[in-house]
Protein backbone atom coordinates (compact mmCIF):
# COMPACT_ATOMS: atom_id res chain seq x y z
CA MET A 1 -24.65 -22.63 4.99
CA ARG A 2 -25.12 -18.93 6.15
CA ILE A 3 -27.45 -19.16 9.21
CA LEU A 4 -29.04 -16.29 10.99
CA VAL A 5 -29.56 -17.12 14.68
CA CYS A 6 -32.23 -14.82 16.53
CA GLU A 7 -31.94 -15.61 20.17
CA ASP A 8 -31.91 -13.39 23.16
CA GLU A 9 -30.65 -15.87 25.62
CA ILE A 10 -26.97 -15.74 25.46
CA LEU A 11 -26.26 -19.36 26.58
CA THR A 12 -28.66 -20.68 23.96
CA LEU A 13 -27.28 -18.37 21.35
CA LYS A 14 -23.73 -19.39 22.00
CA THR A 15 -24.68 -23.14 22.13
CA ILE A 16 -26.28 -22.90 18.85
CA GLU A 17 -23.45 -20.86 17.50
CA PHE A 18 -20.81 -23.36 18.67
CA VAL A 19 -22.69 -26.35 17.24
CA LEU A 20 -23.22 -24.68 13.90
CA ILE A 21 -19.72 -23.37 13.51
CA LYS A 22 -18.27 -26.86 14.37
CA GLU A 23 -20.27 -28.25 11.43
CA GLY A 24 -18.66 -25.72 9.10
CA HIS A 25 -21.74 -23.18 8.89
CA GLU A 26 -21.31 -19.42 8.96
CA VAL A 27 -23.32 -17.83 11.72
CA ILE A 28 -24.97 -14.36 11.84
CA GLU A 29 -26.30 -13.37 15.28
CA ALA A 30 -29.24 -11.29 16.12
CA SER A 31 -30.49 -10.70 19.72
CA ASP A 32 -33.99 -9.39 18.91
CA GLY A 33 -36.55 -9.67 16.27
CA ASP A 34 -36.03 -6.15 14.75
CA GLN A 35 -32.37 -6.86 14.32
CA GLY A 36 -33.20 -10.13 12.65
CA ILE A 37 -35.62 -8.41 10.16
CA LYS A 38 -32.96 -5.83 9.39
CA ILE A 39 -30.43 -8.66 8.64
CA LEU A 40 -33.00 -10.53 6.50
CA GLN A 41 -33.45 -7.31 4.47
CA GLU A 42 -29.77 -6.68 3.95
CA GLU A 43 -28.09 -10.05 3.70
CA LYS A 44 -28.70 -13.39 1.93
CA VAL A 45 -29.04 -16.14 4.41
CA ASP A 46 -29.75 -19.85 3.79
CA LEU A 47 -31.63 -20.56 7.07
CA LEU A 48 -33.11 -18.82 10.09
CA ILE A 49 -32.99 -20.42 13.53
CA THR A 50 -35.20 -18.32 15.93
CA ASP A 51 -36.76 -18.23 19.39
CA ILE A 52 -40.38 -17.24 19.58
CA ASN A 53 -40.20 -14.86 22.46
CA LEU A 54 -37.74 -12.24 21.37
CA PRO A 55 -37.58 -8.47 22.24
CA TYR A 56 -39.34 -6.43 19.60
CA ALA A 57 -40.52 -8.41 16.75
CA LYS A 58 -41.34 -12.00 17.81
CA GLY A 59 -40.13 -15.24 16.15
CA LEU A 60 -43.46 -15.76 14.44
CA GLU A 61 -43.38 -12.28 13.13
CA LEU A 62 -40.10 -13.05 11.47
CA VAL A 63 -41.67 -16.09 9.73
CA ARG A 64 -44.56 -13.94 8.57
CA PHE A 65 -42.08 -11.34 7.38
CA ILE A 66 -40.25 -13.89 5.32
CA ASN A 67 -43.39 -15.26 3.74
CA THR A 68 -44.84 -11.80 2.87
CA GLN A 69 -41.99 -9.32 2.46
CA LEU A 70 -38.83 -11.10 1.16
CA GLU A 71 -38.30 -11.84 -2.40
CA PHE A 72 -36.74 -15.10 -1.58
CA ARG A 73 -37.61 -18.00 0.69
CA VAL A 74 -35.76 -18.49 3.91
CA PRO A 75 -36.55 -21.73 5.78
CA VAL A 76 -37.08 -21.33 9.51
CA ILE A 77 -36.41 -23.59 12.53
CA ILE A 78 -38.06 -22.51 15.75
CA VAL A 79 -36.05 -23.22 19.07
CA SER A 80 -38.43 -22.16 21.94
CA GLY A 81 -39.22 -22.77 25.49
CA ILE A 82 -42.91 -22.78 24.52
CA THR A 83 -44.05 -26.56 24.67
CA LEU A 84 -47.73 -25.88 23.73
CA ASP A 85 -48.90 -28.05 20.70
CA GLU A 86 -50.98 -25.10 19.45
CA THR A 87 -47.87 -22.93 19.28
CA ARG A 88 -45.81 -25.55 17.46
CA ASP A 89 -48.70 -26.30 15.05
CA HIS A 90 -49.10 -22.56 14.26
CA ALA A 91 -45.40 -21.99 13.65
CA LEU A 92 -45.51 -25.04 11.29
CA GLU A 93 -48.65 -23.71 9.52
CA LEU A 94 -46.80 -20.32 9.07
CA GLY A 95 -44.02 -22.15 7.28
CA ALA A 96 -41.40 -23.24 9.74
CA ILE A 97 -39.62 -26.44 8.77
CA GLY A 98 -39.11 -27.49 12.27
CA TYR A 99 -39.77 -26.73 15.92
CA LEU A 100 -37.58 -27.76 18.89
CA THR A 101 -38.30 -27.11 22.56
CA LYS A 102 -35.75 -25.90 25.07
CA PRO A 103 -33.68 -27.57 26.24
CA PHE A 104 -32.92 -29.19 23.04
CA ASP A 105 -30.48 -31.80 21.71
CA PRO A 106 -27.92 -30.27 19.41
CA ALA A 107 -27.90 -33.39 17.42
CA GLU A 108 -31.64 -33.05 16.79
CA LEU A 109 -31.07 -29.49 15.51
CA LEU A 110 -28.24 -30.60 13.31
CA GLY A 111 -30.49 -33.46 12.02
CA MET A 112 -33.16 -30.94 10.98
CA ILE A 113 -30.62 -28.80 9.26
CA ASN A 114 -29.02 -31.69 7.38
CA SER A 115 -32.47 -33.08 6.54
CA TYR A 116 -33.48 -29.79 4.96
CA ALA A 117 -30.18 -29.51 3.22
CA GLY A 118 -30.31 -33.06 1.84
CA VAL A 119 -27.40 -34.27 3.83
CA ASN A 120 -27.36 -37.76 5.37
């Protein structure tokens, strides 16, 4: 899969990237929300993994952008340090397919991706 990862914390970004590449996925990086929106407009991606608290456009703004501006659906997994149930519920209501809180278990992230992709 081609996966866009929008994350401004370099350690988290590199951890996600390492895990995804190890599983054979192609990773496109964005360090802020505006860059993420630009990539979504210009490139076809199969999945977006994003933090909520990004510089410029926030992660939930990316979810809204996908739902209202893109011609094709891109599933979203949120990986965030925000542990509030209300935030998680709001992200899922907006259309995110999963929500993980930091620190997260890479196996859990891969499980979400594989579940979405129909891989057991």
